[in-house]
Structures are given as structure tokens and as C-alpha cells.
Amino acid sequence: MAALIADMRTTAATAEADNDGRITAMAAVLAPAIDALETTTRTMIETFARDPESAAAGATPYCRLAGFVAAGWLMTQSALVAAARGEDGTFARAKIESARFFTTVHLPQAPALAAAAVNAAGPVQAFPEDAF
């Protein structure tokens, strides 16, 4: 996961330095989402080492977090490629605008998913086993 996060950070830095305001806006959302993923990954690993059940309680929101951030990263990469080609066609515009939509509408959920992943244990473990 560390290597993947490093790749994500490279893309975010490239997007941040881009001359296209649509792409720099993506970087502004992607970078904190990557931070949330990195911090949550570290917390989940540390929690798993001492309390696997507590870590498992947050697995679903963690997987959603990882998926959202990975999708935002890949879509930002796609937008960078489309912009670098300098094409002004419909396909290139669609790549950039779909990435812009995803990073604007969906990627901001990352901090909430991170919080859910690291805080799920208490509510999940509060249910008695016979309630299932």
C-alpha cells in the first residue's frame, strides 16, 4: 500500500503543478484524500496487530475509502494524460470533466469514510452476539 500511496502522491503533485485550473482543483481534493487513506491504513494496521476484531469492524468503510481514493487518483491521471496530449476533442474534454466530476462530488467523502473505518469498532462490538 505504501508504494501505491507514493504513486498517488506523485500524480497529485503533478496535477497541482498543472496549468489547467480544472486539474489543479482535482489535486486540491485528491491530496487530502490520499492523506486520509495513508493515515487510516496506518491506523488499521496498528489496530489489527493488537485487536483484529476492532480492525475488522472498520473493514467495509476502509475498503470504500481505498476504492474512492484509487478511483480519484486514476481519474486524475487520465485527465493529466488527456490534457498533456493537447487535444481539444470531445474524448479529451470528457476525460477531464468526468475526473473533475468524480473528484468534486465523490472524493470529498474520503475523510468521512476514514473516520468510519477507525471508529466502527465501538458501535459494532456493542451488539451482543445473540442479536445476530
Protein backbone atom coordinates (compact mmCIF):
# COMPACT_ATOMS: atom_id res chain seq x y z
CA MET A 1 0.00 0.00 0.00
CA ALA A 2 2.91 2.36 0.70
CA ALA A 3 4.12 2.12 -2.91
CA LEU A 4 0.62 2.75 -4.23
CA ILE A 5 0.20 5.79 -1.98
CA ALA A 6 3.59 7.09 -3.19
CA ASP A 7 2.38 6.77 -6.79
CA MET A 8 -0.81 8.59 -5.85
CA ARG A 9 1.19 11.42 -4.28
CA THR A 10 3.27 11.77 -7.47
CA THR A 11 0.09 12.18 -9.50
CA ALA A 12 -1.34 14.69 -7.03
CA ALA A 13 1.87 16.75 -7.17
CA THR A 14 1.85 16.67 -10.97
CA ALA A 15 -1.79 17.76 -11.02
CA GLU A 16 -1.11 20.52 -8.52
CA ALA A 17 1.61 21.93 -10.80
CA ASP A 18 -0.57 21.76 -13.93
CA ASN A 19 -1.59 24.94 -15.74
CA ASP A 20 -5.21 23.83 -16.16
CA GLY A 21 -7.34 25.08 -13.27
CA ARG A 22 -9.68 22.10 -13.59
CA ILE A 23 -6.77 19.76 -12.92
CA THR A 24 -5.28 21.78 -10.07
CA ALA A 25 -8.75 21.71 -8.48
CA MET A 26 -8.62 17.90 -8.66
CA ALA A 27 -5.26 17.92 -6.87
CA ALA A 28 -6.71 20.09 -4.11
CA VAL A 29 -9.22 17.33 -3.31
CA LEU A 30 -7.01 14.34 -4.14
CA ALA A 31 -4.12 15.28 -1.82
CA PRO A 32 -6.16 15.32 1.42
CA ALA A 33 -7.96 12.14 0.33
CA ILE A 34 -4.57 10.45 -0.04
CA ASP A 35 -3.61 11.75 3.40
CA ALA A 36 -6.80 10.22 4.82
CA LEU A 37 -6.03 6.89 3.16
CA GLU A 38 -2.45 6.84 4.39
CA THR A 39 -3.36 7.73 7.97
CA THR A 40 -6.24 5.27 8.04
CA THR A 41 -4.10 2.49 6.56
CA ARG A 42 -1.51 3.03 9.28
CA THR A 43 -4.20 3.06 11.98
CA MET A 44 -5.86 -0.09 10.64
CA ILE A 45 -2.52 -1.95 10.55
CA GLU A 46 -1.67 -0.86 14.09
CA THR A 47 -5.15 -1.75 15.33
CA PHE A 48 -5.07 -5.14 13.63
CA ALA A 49 -1.79 -6.00 15.36
CA ARG A 50 -3.32 -5.59 18.82
CA ASP A 51 -7.05 -6.14 18.21
CA PRO A 52 -8.01 -7.83 14.92
CA GLU A 53 -11.74 -7.73 15.67
CA SER A 54 -11.69 -3.96 16.10
CA ALA A 55 -9.82 -3.53 12.83
CA ALA A 56 -12.23 -5.88 11.05
CA ALA A 57 -15.16 -3.77 12.24
CA GLY A 58 -13.88 -0.92 10.06
CA ALA A 59 -13.04 -3.04 7.03
CA THR A 60 -16.02 -2.05 4.89
CA PRO A 61 -15.57 1.74 5.18
CA TYR A 62 -11.81 1.24 4.77
CA CYS A 63 -12.33 -0.65 1.51
CA ARG A 64 -14.70 2.06 0.30
CA LEU A 65 -12.12 4.71 1.24
CA ALA A 66 -9.38 2.88 -0.66
CA GLY A 67 -11.67 2.48 -3.66
CA PHE A 68 -12.71 6.14 -3.75
CA VAL A 69 -9.14 7.36 -3.45
CA ALA A 70 -7.84 4.90 -6.05
CA ALA A 71 -10.59 5.94 -8.45
CA GLY A 72 -9.86 9.63 -7.87
CA TRP A 73 -6.17 9.00 -8.45
CA LEU A 74 -6.73 7.06 -11.68
CA MET A 75 -9.21 9.60 -12.98
CA THR A 76 -6.81 12.43 -12.22
CA GLN A 77 -4.06 10.55 -14.08
CA SER A 78 -6.42 10.15 -17.01
CA ALA A 79 -7.20 13.86 -17.00
CA LEU A 80 -3.48 14.69 -16.94
CA VAL A 81 -2.86 12.46 -19.96
CA ALA A 82 -5.79 13.96 -21.85
CA ALA A 83 -4.60 17.50 -21.10
CA ALA A 84 -0.97 16.70 -21.98
CA ARG A 85 -1.96 15.50 -25.43
CA GLY A 86 -3.33 18.94 -26.10
CA GLU A 87 -6.32 17.52 -27.87
CA ASP A 88 -9.40 19.67 -27.83
CA GLY A 89 -11.75 16.91 -28.88
CA THR A 90 -14.81 15.54 -27.20
CA PHE A 91 -12.99 12.50 -25.78
CA ALA A 92 -10.27 14.57 -24.07
CA ARG A 93 -12.82 17.01 -22.65
CA ALA A 94 -14.94 14.12 -21.40
CA LYS A 95 -11.93 12.57 -19.64
CA ILE A 96 -11.13 15.83 -17.88
CA GLU A 97 -14.73 16.63 -16.97
CA SER A 98 -15.52 13.12 -15.71
CA ALA A 99 -12.43 13.27 -13.50
CA ARG A 100 -13.45 16.73 -12.33
CA PHE A 101 -16.94 15.45 -11.51
CA PHE A 102 -15.64 12.46 -9.54
CA THR A 103 -13.09 14.44 -7.57
CA THR A 104 -15.61 17.19 -6.82
CA VAL A 105 -18.64 15.05 -5.98
CA HIS A 106 -17.36 11.71 -4.72
CA LEU A 107 -13.80 12.11 -3.46
CA PRO A 108 -14.71 14.53 -0.64
CA GLN A 109 -16.27 11.51 1.12
CA ALA A 110 -12.78 10.23 1.94
CA PRO A 111 -12.42 11.87 5.38
CA ALA A 112 -15.84 10.60 6.46
CA LEU A 113 -15.00 7.07 5.34
CA ALA A 114 -11.67 7.31 7.17
CA ALA A 115 -13.47 8.30 10.37
CA ALA A 116 -15.97 5.48 9.95
CA ALA A 117 -13.18 2.95 9.42
CA VAL A 118 -11.28 3.85 12.57
CA ASN A 119 -14.34 4.40 14.76
CA ALA A 120 -16.51 1.44 13.76
CA ALA A 121 -15.33 -0.95 16.47
CA GLY A 122 -17.27 0.54 19.38
CA PRO A 123 -20.71 0.53 17.75
CA VAL A 124 -20.16 -2.82 16.03
CA GLN A 125 -18.87 -4.53 19.14
CA ALA A 126 -21.67 -3.12 21.28
CA PHE A 127 -24.12 -5.56 19.72
CA PRO A 128 -24.48 -8.77 21.71
CA GLU A 129 -23.77 -11.90 19.67
CA ASP A 130 -27.31 -13.17 20.20
CA ALA A 131 -28.63 -10.08 18.37
CA PHE A 132 -27.49 -11.58 15.07
